[in-house]
Amino acid sequence: MILNQFLILAAVLFCIGVYGVLVRRNGVLVLMSVELMLNAVNINLVAFSAYLHQAAGQVFALFVITIAAAEVGVGLAIVLQYYRLRRAVVLDEVALHEHDHERVTA
């Protein structure tokens, strides 16, 4: 495949990810959209690495995958903890409850 095709694919995936982050209200779907954006970056890194015959892009892609895995772990932990407290993961409500310090006992 030609480099342009990989770049177009990555651009489309990145745009879908940005749309998901801006439009979605569910915390889990926002995390999935961020992962989609990170995968688009990985496609660019590997495509340029193969095009330039250098391994640096593939090494950076491995670092991005590692950071993405850590981000998913921390993000899902935060979303699950918020769900336990409020029984909802709608991100619009997170800003409303930011200064609410009352404890909900389970």
Protein backbone atom coordinates (compact mmCIF):
# COMPACT_ATOMS: atom_id res chain seq x y z
CA MET A 1 0.00 0.00 0.00
CA ILE A 2 1.03 3.56 -0.57
CA LEU A 3 1.87 5.90 2.31
CA ASN A 4 -1.05 8.16 1.38
CA GLN A 5 -3.56 5.40 2.03
CA PHE A 6 -2.24 4.84 5.55
CA LEU A 7 -2.29 8.56 6.26
CA ILE A 8 -5.87 8.88 5.02
CA LEU A 9 -6.93 5.91 7.15
CA ALA A 10 -5.24 7.42 10.20
CA ALA A 11 -6.84 10.81 9.55
CA VAL A 12 -10.30 9.26 9.27
CA LEU A 13 -9.81 7.28 12.49
CA PHE A 14 -8.50 10.35 14.29
CA CYS A 15 -11.46 12.44 13.15
CA ILE A 16 -13.90 9.76 14.31
CA GLY A 17 -12.12 9.74 17.66
CA VAL A 18 -12.29 13.53 18.01
CA TYR A 19 -15.98 13.44 17.11
CA GLY A 20 -16.55 10.79 19.77
CA VAL A 21 -14.74 12.81 22.44
CA LEU A 22 -16.65 15.99 21.63
CA VAL A 23 -20.13 14.50 21.22
CA ARG A 24 -20.36 11.51 23.56
CA ARG A 25 -21.54 11.94 27.13
CA ASN A 26 -20.80 8.45 28.39
CA GLY A 27 -17.40 8.12 30.08
CA VAL A 28 -16.64 4.70 28.63
CA LEU A 29 -17.39 5.85 25.07
CA VAL A 30 -15.12 8.86 25.54
CA LEU A 31 -12.31 6.51 26.64
CA MET A 32 -12.94 4.37 23.54
CA SER A 33 -12.73 7.48 21.36
CA VAL A 34 -9.40 8.45 22.93
CA GLU A 35 -8.12 4.94 22.21
CA LEU A 36 -9.22 5.33 18.60
CA MET A 37 -7.22 8.55 18.37
CA LEU A 38 -4.15 6.86 19.86
CA ASN A 39 -4.45 4.02 17.35
CA ALA A 40 -4.56 6.57 14.53
CA VAL A 41 -1.29 8.01 15.85
CA ASN A 42 0.18 4.49 15.93
CA ILE A 43 -0.77 3.95 12.29
CA ASN A 44 1.05 7.17 11.37
CA LEU A 45 4.13 6.21 13.36
CA VAL A 46 4.39 2.74 11.83
CA ALA A 47 3.61 3.98 8.31
CA PHE A 48 6.34 6.61 8.41
CA SER A 49 8.69 4.12 10.02
CA ALA A 50 8.18 1.67 7.17
CA TYR A 51 8.36 4.43 4.55
CA LEU A 52 11.67 5.78 5.89
CA HIS A 53 13.09 2.31 6.67
CA GLN A 54 13.76 3.24 10.30
CA ALA A 55 12.65 1.46 13.45
CA ALA A 56 12.17 4.60 15.55
CA GLY A 57 8.48 4.95 14.64
CA GLN A 58 7.76 1.38 15.64
CA VAL A 59 9.52 1.89 18.99
CA PHE A 60 7.45 5.02 19.64
CA ALA A 61 4.31 3.07 18.69
CA LEU A 62 5.15 0.50 21.39
CA PHE A 63 5.46 3.33 23.91
CA VAL A 64 2.09 4.73 22.82
CA ILE A 65 0.50 1.30 23.23
CA THR A 66 1.96 1.05 26.74
CA ILE A 67 0.70 4.50 27.71
CA ALA A 68 -2.72 3.70 26.20
CA ALA A 69 -2.99 0.54 28.30
CA ALA A 70 -2.19 2.50 31.46
CA GLU A 71 -4.68 5.18 30.46
CA VAL A 72 -7.43 2.61 30.01
CA GLY A 73 -6.71 1.06 33.40
CA VAL A 74 -6.78 4.37 35.25
CA GLY A 75 -9.68 5.77 33.24
CA LEU A 76 -11.89 2.73 33.74
CA ALA A 77 -11.09 2.68 37.44
CA ILE A 78 -12.20 6.31 37.74
CA VAL A 79 -15.37 5.69 35.71
CA LEU A 80 -16.28 2.60 37.74
CA GLN A 81 -15.71 4.41 41.03
CA TYR A 82 -17.89 7.29 39.86
CA TYR A 83 -20.57 4.81 38.76
CA ARG A 84 -20.54 3.22 42.21
CA LEU A 85 -21.14 6.61 43.82
CA ARG A 86 -23.67 8.13 41.41
CA ARG A 87 -25.11 5.19 39.40
CA ALA A 88 -24.39 7.07 36.17
CA VAL A 89 -21.38 7.75 33.98
CA VAL A 90 -22.76 10.75 32.11
CA LEU A 91 -19.94 13.26 31.89
CA ASP A 92 -22.26 16.28 32.03
CA GLU A 93 -23.16 15.34 35.59
CA VAL A 94 -19.50 15.07 36.67
CA ALA A 95 -19.04 18.84 36.48
CA LEU A 96 -22.25 19.37 38.49
CA HIS A 97 -21.05 17.08 41.31
CA GLU A 98 -17.53 18.46 41.41
CA HIS A 99 -18.09 20.46 44.62
CA ASP A 100 -20.50 17.98 46.17
CA HIS A 101 -18.66 16.35 49.08
CA GLU A 102 -21.43 14.26 50.53
CA ARG A 103 -20.67 10.57 50.96
CA VAL A 104 -22.94 7.91 49.56
CA THR A 105 -22.74 4.68 51.53
CA ALA A 106 -23.32 1.44 49.75
